[in-house]
């Protein structure tokens, strides 16, 4: 626009920076009106009450509304439309950049004509600055695979670098409000990347966190060296948003909240939190009932101990309910700390001593679970995959040694504090009786009768066998009566120690 900083025009589509130009009744059309030039607007009947604006072609919000009325009419009664909504940070940035390039160049930036391309340029320039420029001393180690150990080297892996740029463009495009449909932004129902787990193991300092953010803000205000982009006021507001992420990203910032074991391990295993825990429950259930491998807990699963408890081995419905309950139990904040919004909530009994009061759990059984847990963690999560695994194991061992857990062990050989064992008594069916017989005359009292019915004993025996079989079938049937709550939940704590990690 030849030195015209604020070209004036009439718009029927918004307040400046490329909004649709009104042509009906306007002279001249499509020219830069500034520096003593004149624009003539002849109001017509069809303009009455219509949304019209006078605006600057180059800048957002440099505008005002026009209300066309008939003689004698009040503008407040004719023009009741609302001022256009304030533009998002992304839309403001893109419009300002496009207007500046259109007027001032350089020609090499002319192809950067939508929000996606604008943010791609910003992210790419940020990557270059972080690996080769002034910020390289602070940030390069996070891009070249140095930190954390074994991470991706984006400086040499072109495919990974492209994916990184695309992911950042989508993240920033969503959170800055890009609305020109050039970016596949996250919808409300989509799960955005978890900043806590994305940056776990990096141990980012406050200096590094601030250095990255300051570099990003500078590039958002000066896209491609054009001198245009976000306004200073908008950049300050974006800075507030970036700083709110410090609790998830900045290890060295006040208020930093480290990822939970569930968040950390699910990310390392590249699975969902629910699949992580439910898979662990199933895997451990299979292992600790296997007596061929020295499993000591089979009696607690097959309905033997305590009496009249459920059979979780042969009854698939019981198994499914158990897995669901255990998955919710292990995901609690005080255990693994699963945070996925879709993760089930545990509503069962939390007192482990009460849950296990009818189960005679010895120190050998209790220790077997603890040892199995550490073995699974060590084998499935090597330090190369989870750099903090040794500290994680130590934290889990601390949990297992806490009073709220050690009360699971309730026999004399258990360490203190130990739980209280209460043996459960169950009704035993009365022995079947037979009709009395009269001994023949002369038979001594108590002597067997030669004339007693031989089929009576047979029928009696058959009856007992049938009744026993019927009870056994009822025990395994999907519609079996609800057992004592301790029996129902006993398996939960039998598997509790091991089930945390078996799915890795």
Foldseek 3Di string as FASTA:
>chain_A
DVPQPFFKAKALAAAALDGHGDDVQKPPPPDRADDPRDIGGDDDPVQAQGWMKIYGHQAGPRIDTDHDHDPPDDSVVTHPDDHDDHDFQLVRFLSNLQSLCVPPNDPVCNVCRFSLSQLLQLVVVLLCCCCPNPNVVQRNCVQCCNFPHNDDNCVPDVVVVVVVSLLVSQVCCQVRPGDPPPHPHDDPPDDRDQLQQVQPRRQAAPVSLVVSLVSSLVCQQQGPNSNHHGDPVVSVVVSVVSVVCCLRHHNHDPNNDHDFQLSNVCVLVVHASLCQQLLLLVLLVVVLLPVVVVRDCVCLACCNFPHLFAHCPQAVLLVVVLSLQLSQVCCDCVHRVRDPPPRDHHDDDQQLLVLQQQPQAAPVLLVVLQVLQVVLLCVPQPCSSVVCSVVVNVVLVVVCPDQSNQLSNDDPRGDPPHHHHDHDDDDDDDQDDFDDDDADPPDDPPDDHPPDDPCRVVVSVVVVVVVVVVVVCLSRDPPRDHDDSSSSCVVSSSNVSRSNGSSD
